[in-house]
Amino acid sequence: MSDFAVRGSEGSCSGTPHRGSSRSSVGTTARTWDGDRLDGFIGSLAEDFRGWEGQRTWHSLSYDLTLAAEHRAGGHVHLT
């Protein structure tokens, strides 16, 4: 077992923050069994850089962390 940490900033992809807005850090840690094939999930997103339909999801073995990816206009990938 190993720990996997996800950290980011709310609004970090938007460049500069909008006037009057504040940024906050978000993060979580989940236990995984050798990464639970997260590398394969991220690799498949990169391989399909031209886009895909719908939402793709990955979850840790114990379902304590789930990532969802959607391909959006302009070649952007939205992760939640």
Protein backbone atom coordinates (compact mmCIF):
# COMPACT_ATOMS: atom_id res chain seq x y z
CA MET A 1 0.00 0.00 0.00
CA SER A 2 1.11 3.54 -0.68
CA ASP A 3 -0.39 6.99 -0.26
CA PHE A 4 -1.41 9.06 -3.23
CA ALA A 5 -1.91 12.82 -2.81
CA VAL A 6 -3.84 15.18 -5.07
CA ARG A 7 -3.31 18.89 -4.58
CA GLY A 8 -4.40 21.88 -6.56
CA SER A 9 -5.78 25.36 -6.36
CA GLU A 10 -9.35 26.29 -7.04
CA GLY A 11 -9.38 28.28 -10.27
CA SER A 12 -5.74 27.48 -11.04
CA CYS A 13 -6.43 26.85 -14.74
CA SER A 14 -8.04 30.22 -15.30
CA GLY A 15 -4.83 32.23 -15.17
CA THR A 16 -5.24 35.28 -13.03
CA PRO A 17 -8.07 35.39 -10.49
CA HIS A 18 -11.10 37.56 -11.18
CA ARG A 19 -11.39 40.81 -9.28
CA GLY A 20 -12.77 40.20 -5.81
CA SER A 21 -12.25 36.44 -5.93
CA SER A 22 -10.02 34.49 -3.65
CA ARG A 23 -8.18 31.27 -4.33
CA SER A 24 -8.19 28.39 -1.94
CA SER A 25 -6.07 25.27 -1.89
CA VAL A 26 -7.75 21.90 -2.06
CA GLY A 27 -6.27 18.48 -1.53
CA THR A 28 -6.83 14.92 -0.48
CA THR A 29 -4.87 11.77 0.24
CA ALA A 30 -5.98 8.24 -0.62
CA ARG A 31 -4.42 4.83 -0.05
CA THR A 32 -3.68 2.92 -3.23
CA TRP A 33 -2.27 -0.43 -4.14
CA ASP A 34 0.74 0.54 -6.28
CA GLY A 35 -1.18 3.47 -7.80
CA ASP A 36 -4.31 1.47 -8.75
CA ARG A 37 -3.41 1.96 -12.44
CA LEU A 38 -3.70 5.76 -12.28
CA ASP A 39 -0.76 5.95 -14.69
CA GLY A 40 -2.77 3.98 -17.27
CA PHE A 41 -5.78 6.28 -16.85
CA ILE A 42 -3.69 9.44 -17.31
CA GLY A 43 -1.86 7.81 -20.22
CA SER A 44 -5.15 7.02 -21.97
CA LEU A 45 -6.19 10.68 -21.68
CA ALA A 46 -2.91 11.74 -23.28
CA GLU A 47 -3.23 9.17 -26.08
CA ASP A 48 -6.70 10.48 -26.95
CA PHE A 49 -5.64 14.14 -26.96
CA ARG A 50 -7.90 14.81 -29.95
CA GLY A 51 -10.92 14.20 -27.73
CA TRP A 52 -13.48 11.67 -26.66
CA GLU A 53 -17.20 11.55 -25.94
CA GLY A 54 -18.57 11.54 -22.43
CA GLN A 55 -16.79 11.23 -19.13
CA ARG A 56 -13.94 8.91 -18.19
CA THR A 57 -13.43 7.96 -14.57
CA TRP A 58 -10.76 6.39 -12.41
CA HIS A 59 -11.12 5.33 -8.80
CA SER A 60 -8.81 3.96 -6.17
CA LEU A 61 -9.30 0.34 -5.20
CA SER A 62 -11.20 1.27 -2.04
CA TYR A 63 -13.20 4.01 -3.85
CA ASP A 64 -11.97 6.70 -1.46
CA LEU A 65 -10.78 8.80 -4.43
CA THR A 66 -12.44 9.16 -7.83
CA LEU A 67 -11.22 11.31 -10.74
CA ALA A 68 -13.44 12.18 -13.68
CA ALA A 69 -12.18 13.61 -16.99
CA GLU A 70 -14.15 15.31 -19.75
CA HIS A 71 -12.72 16.57 -23.04
CA ARG A 72 -13.95 20.09 -23.72
CA ALA A 73 -13.81 22.60 -26.53
CA GLY A 74 -10.43 24.04 -27.37
CA GLY A 75 -8.61 20.82 -26.51
CA HIS A 76 -9.00 21.24 -22.75
CA VAL A 77 -9.49 18.40 -20.29
CA HIS A 78 -11.64 19.14 -17.25
CA LEU A 79 -10.76 17.02 -14.19
CA THR A 80 -13.04 16.72 -11.17
